[in-house]
Amino acid sequence: MSKMKSCGKIRKGDFGYFFSEKKRQALITGILFAVPLFIFFTAWIYHHSRMTVWTVVAVVGCLPACRSMVNLIMILMRKPMNRELYQKISSHAGKLVMSYEMYITFYEKSSVVDAFAVCGNEMVGYSSDPKIDISFMTKEIQKIIRKNGYKVNVRILKDLKPYLQQLDSLNAHYDSLHEGIKYVPDERYPDLSRDELIKHTLLAICL
């Protein structure tokens, strides 16, 4: 097991991430708002006036809270992955490096991708998002991954049955799909395999 996943903590790319992240972001946003509000009201009560330097400090202190609120709103809009869907996909995952519940964002468009499998130079995703622009998302994801030095071929499917068949095929040809690929470990993540680093790169463009 890689060191990117430890102590049972739900991380980006794990099933249950959206639900966990909603709670985390709500807590962070609450704390970030509570601190400047505490400063503001404490100063007001003490000085009997809002016209103090502490009011400026409180207003500036609200900026990180507002940014956090934007993140909270974005994650609240995301629907968690159906457990039955996860179980169907994970039962076909086998040896593949998988990631789940991804909200992949670009300036032009964003979409939910329920699952991605990485195997050598093949990346196959499944999305139940009816609004996904598969051509755009495939092109942009592949561009980002290749810019990071991995010559992958990215595909995203909207039909579950063919996707599960693709997972079975990747597992059946697992060794041949990795054969001949030259890989120099990343000194920042020496314990991660090439497939895990590709997943790490993918998750960097996810909410």
Protein backbone atom coordinates (compact mmCIF):
# COMPACT_ATOMS: atom_id res chain seq x y z
CA MET A 1 0.00 0.00 0.00
CA SER A 2 1.36 3.44 -0.90
CA LYS A 3 2.08 6.09 1.69
CA MET A 4 -0.49 8.35 0.05
CA LYS A 5 -3.13 6.39 1.90
CA SER A 6 -2.69 5.81 5.61
CA CYS A 7 -4.52 5.14 8.84
CA GLY A 8 -7.79 4.58 7.03
CA LYS A 9 -8.14 8.30 6.29
CA ILE A 10 -10.32 9.07 3.26
CA ARG A 11 -8.30 11.02 0.73
CA LYS A 12 -8.92 12.52 -2.67
CA GLY A 13 -9.44 9.65 -5.10
CA ASP A 14 -10.98 7.33 -2.48
CA PHE A 15 -14.59 6.23 -2.43
CA GLY A 16 -16.46 8.41 0.06
CA TYR A 17 -14.28 11.45 -0.63
CA PHE A 18 -17.13 13.83 -1.48
CA PHE A 19 -18.99 13.06 1.76
CA SER A 20 -15.81 13.33 3.86
CA GLU A 21 -14.68 16.52 2.14
CA LYS A 22 -18.04 18.21 2.74
CA LYS A 23 -17.62 17.73 6.49
CA ARG A 24 -13.98 18.84 6.42
CA GLN A 25 -14.64 21.96 4.35
CA ALA A 26 -17.64 22.90 6.51
CA LEU A 27 -15.48 22.66 9.65
CA ILE A 28 -12.63 24.67 8.12
CA THR A 29 -14.99 27.35 6.80
CA GLY A 30 -16.71 27.64 10.17
CA ILE A 31 -13.39 28.11 11.98
CA LEU A 32 -12.10 30.63 9.43
CA PHE A 33 -15.22 32.75 9.85
CA ALA A 34 -15.34 32.34 13.62
CA VAL A 35 -11.85 33.77 14.21
CA PRO A 36 -12.30 37.19 12.52
CA LEU A 37 -15.85 37.49 13.89
CA PHE A 38 -14.50 36.84 17.39
CA ILE A 39 -11.84 39.52 16.87
CA PHE A 40 -14.42 42.00 15.55
CA PHE A 41 -16.99 41.59 18.34
CA THR A 42 -14.35 41.42 21.09
CA ALA A 43 -12.80 44.68 19.88
CA TRP A 44 -16.22 46.29 19.54
CA ILE A 45 -17.21 45.36 23.08
CA TYR A 46 -13.85 46.45 24.51
CA HIS A 47 -13.50 49.76 22.60
CA HIS A 48 -17.24 50.50 22.29
CA SER A 49 -16.65 51.30 18.64
CA ARG A 50 -16.37 49.53 15.31
CA MET A 51 -13.90 52.14 14.01
CA THR A 52 -10.71 50.44 15.15
CA VAL A 53 -7.76 48.74 13.51
CA TRP A 54 -9.22 45.42 14.70
CA THR A 55 -12.16 45.89 12.35
CA VAL A 56 -9.69 46.07 9.45
CA VAL A 57 -7.93 42.96 10.76
CA ALA A 58 -11.28 41.14 10.97
CA VAL A 59 -12.30 42.15 7.44
CA VAL A 60 -8.95 41.01 5.99
CA GLY A 61 -9.25 37.84 8.04
CA CYS A 62 -12.54 37.05 6.30
CA LEU A 63 -10.83 36.71 2.92
CA PRO A 64 -9.50 33.16 3.55
CA ALA A 65 -12.92 32.26 4.95
CA CYS A 66 -14.61 33.49 1.77
CA ARG A 67 -12.26 31.41 -0.38
CA SER A 68 -13.01 28.42 1.80
CA MET A 69 -16.73 29.10 1.42
CA VAL A 70 -16.36 28.92 -2.38
CA ASN A 71 -14.69 25.51 -2.03
CA LEU A 72 -17.46 24.40 0.33
CA ILE A 73 -20.18 25.45 -2.12
CA MET A 74 -18.41 23.62 -4.95
CA ILE A 75 -18.11 20.38 -2.97
CA LEU A 76 -21.70 20.63 -1.66
CA MET A 77 -22.88 20.61 -5.27
CA ARG A 78 -21.20 17.25 -5.88
CA LYS A 79 -23.27 14.12 -5.47
CA PRO A 80 -21.43 11.25 -3.72
CA MET A 81 -20.78 8.13 -5.76
CA ASN A 82 -23.42 5.44 -5.42
CA ARG A 83 -22.12 2.61 -3.23
CA GLU A 84 -23.55 -0.05 -5.51
CA LEU A 85 -21.75 1.50 -8.48
CA TYR A 86 -18.50 1.59 -6.50
CA GLN A 87 -18.85 -2.06 -5.53
CA LYS A 88 -19.45 -3.09 -9.15
CA ILE A 89 -16.39 -1.22 -10.36
CA SER A 90 -14.09 -2.16 -7.48
CA SER A 91 -14.95 -5.85 -7.95
CA HIS A 92 -13.33 -5.62 -11.40
CA ALA A 93 -10.37 -3.47 -10.31
CA GLY A 94 -8.00 -6.35 -9.62
CA LYS A 95 -4.37 -5.14 -9.66
CA LEU A 96 -5.19 -1.81 -11.26
CA VAL A 97 -4.47 1.54 -9.63
CA MET A 98 -7.90 3.10 -9.23
CA SER A 99 -9.26 6.51 -8.26
CA TYR A 100 -12.88 7.37 -7.51
CA GLU A 101 -15.22 10.33 -7.06
CA MET A 102 -13.28 12.92 -9.06
CA TYR A 103 -14.56 16.37 -9.95
CA ILE A 104 -12.10 17.31 -12.67
CA THR A 105 -11.87 21.02 -13.35
CA PHE A 106 -10.53 23.09 -16.22
CA TYR A 107 -11.13 26.77 -16.95
CA GLU A 108 -13.55 25.97 -19.77
CA LYS A 109 -15.41 22.96 -18.39
CA SER A 110 -15.68 20.66 -15.39
CA SER A 111 -17.16 17.21 -14.97
CA VAL A 112 -17.53 14.36 -12.51
CA VAL A 113 -15.67 11.16 -13.38
CA ASP A 114 -16.73 8.29 -11.15
CA ALA A 115 -13.66 6.13 -11.65
CA PHE A 116 -10.33 6.02 -13.43
CA ALA A 117 -8.07 3.01 -13.88
CA VAL A 118 -4.36 3.36 -14.61
CA CYS A 119 -2.38 0.55 -16.20
CA GLY A 120 0.91 1.31 -17.90
CA ASN A 121 0.17 3.84 -20.62
CA GLU A 122 -3.57 3.22 -20.51
CA MET A 123 -6.03 5.33 -18.51
CA VAL A 124 -9.69 4.37 -18.71
CA GLY A 125 -12.39 6.33 -16.93
CA TYR A 126 -16.12 5.97 -16.37
CA SER A 127 -18.51 8.88 -15.92
CA SER A 128 -22.21 8.85 -15.12
CA ASP A 129 -22.34 12.63 -15.58
CA PRO A 130 -24.93 13.21 -18.35
CA LYS A 131 -23.41 16.62 -19.13
CA ILE A 132 -19.81 15.49 -19.56
CA ASP A 133 -18.06 16.52 -22.77
CA ILE A 134 -16.04 13.36 -23.25
CA SER A 135 -14.00 14.66 -26.17
CA PHE A 136 -12.93 17.79 -24.29
CA MET A 137 -12.23 16.08 -20.97
CA THR A 138 -10.28 13.25 -22.59
CA LYS A 139 -8.14 15.66 -24.58
CA GLU A 140 -7.38 17.97 -21.65
CA ILE A 141 -6.64 15.19 -19.15
CA GLN A 142 -4.32 13.48 -21.62
CA LYS A 143 -2.58 16.80 -22.30
CA ILE A 144 -1.93 17.40 -18.59
CA ILE A 145 -0.69 13.87 -17.91
CA ARG A 146 1.62 13.90 -20.94
CA LYS A 147 3.05 17.29 -19.97
CA ASN A 148 4.15 15.61 -16.75
CA GLY A 149 6.13 13.03 -18.69
CA TYR A 150 3.73 10.09 -18.98
CA LYS A 151 2.81 9.03 -22.53
CA VAL A 152 -0.66 7.82 -21.66
CA ASN A 153 -3.74 7.19 -23.77
CA VAL A 154 -6.86 8.46 -22.01
CA ARG A 155 -10.37 7.17 -22.60
CA ILE A 156 -13.62 7.91 -20.79
CA LEU A 157 -16.69 5.71 -21.18
CA LYS A 158 -20.30 6.50 -20.32
CA ASP A 159 -21.58 2.92 -20.41
CA LEU A 160 -20.80 0.81 -17.37
CA LYS A 161 -20.75 -2.66 -18.94
CA PRO A 162 -18.05 -1.81 -21.53
CA TYR A 163 -16.08 -0.08 -18.78
CA LEU A 164 -16.09 -3.17 -16.59
CA GLN A 165 -15.00 -5.20 -19.62
CA GLN A 166 -12.13 -2.74 -20.13
CA LEU A 167 -11.03 -3.25 -16.52
CA ASP A 168 -11.05 -7.00 -17.01
CA SER A 169 -9.01 -6.61 -20.20
CA LEU A 170 -6.43 -4.37 -18.50
CA ASN A 171 -6.02 -6.92 -15.73
CA ALA A 172 -5.70 -9.76 -18.24
CA HIS A 173 -2.90 -7.89 -20.07
CA TYR A 174 -1.41 -6.22 -17.01
CA ASP A 175 2.16 -7.47 -17.48
CA SER A 176 2.32 -6.82 -21.22
CA LEU A 177 0.93 -3.28 -20.77
CA HIS A 178 3.82 -2.49 -18.40
CA GLU A 179 6.48 -4.27 -20.44
CA GLY A 180 9.20 -2.03 -21.85
CA ILE A 181 8.13 1.12 -20.01
CA LYS A 182 11.14 2.96 -18.63
CA TYR A 183 10.47 4.50 -15.25
CA VAL A 184 12.66 6.62 -12.99
CA PRO A 185 11.13 6.96 -9.50
CA ASP A 186 10.22 10.48 -8.41
CA GLU A 187 12.51 11.48 -5.54
CA ARG A 188 9.58 13.29 -3.90
CA TYR A 189 7.56 10.06 -3.80
CA PRO A 190 10.15 7.26 -3.85
CA ASP A 191 7.70 4.58 -2.70
CA LEU A 192 5.11 5.22 -5.43
CA SER A 193 4.91 3.20 -8.62
CA ARG A 194 4.60 4.86 -12.02
CA ASP A 195 0.86 4.09 -12.11
CA GLU A 196 0.41 5.67 -8.68
CA LEU A 197 2.27 8.80 -9.80
CA ILE A 198 -0.01 9.09 -12.82
CA LYS A 199 -2.97 8.88 -10.46
CA HIS A 200 -1.34 11.54 -8.27
CA THR A 201 -1.02 13.83 -11.31
CA LEU A 202 -4.67 13.26 -12.21
CA LEU A 203 -5.86 14.10 -8.71
CA ALA A 204 -3.96 17.39 -8.83
CA ILE A 205 -6.54 18.72 -11.31
CA CYS A 206 -9.49 17.53 -9.22
CA LEU A 207 -11.46 19.53 -6.68
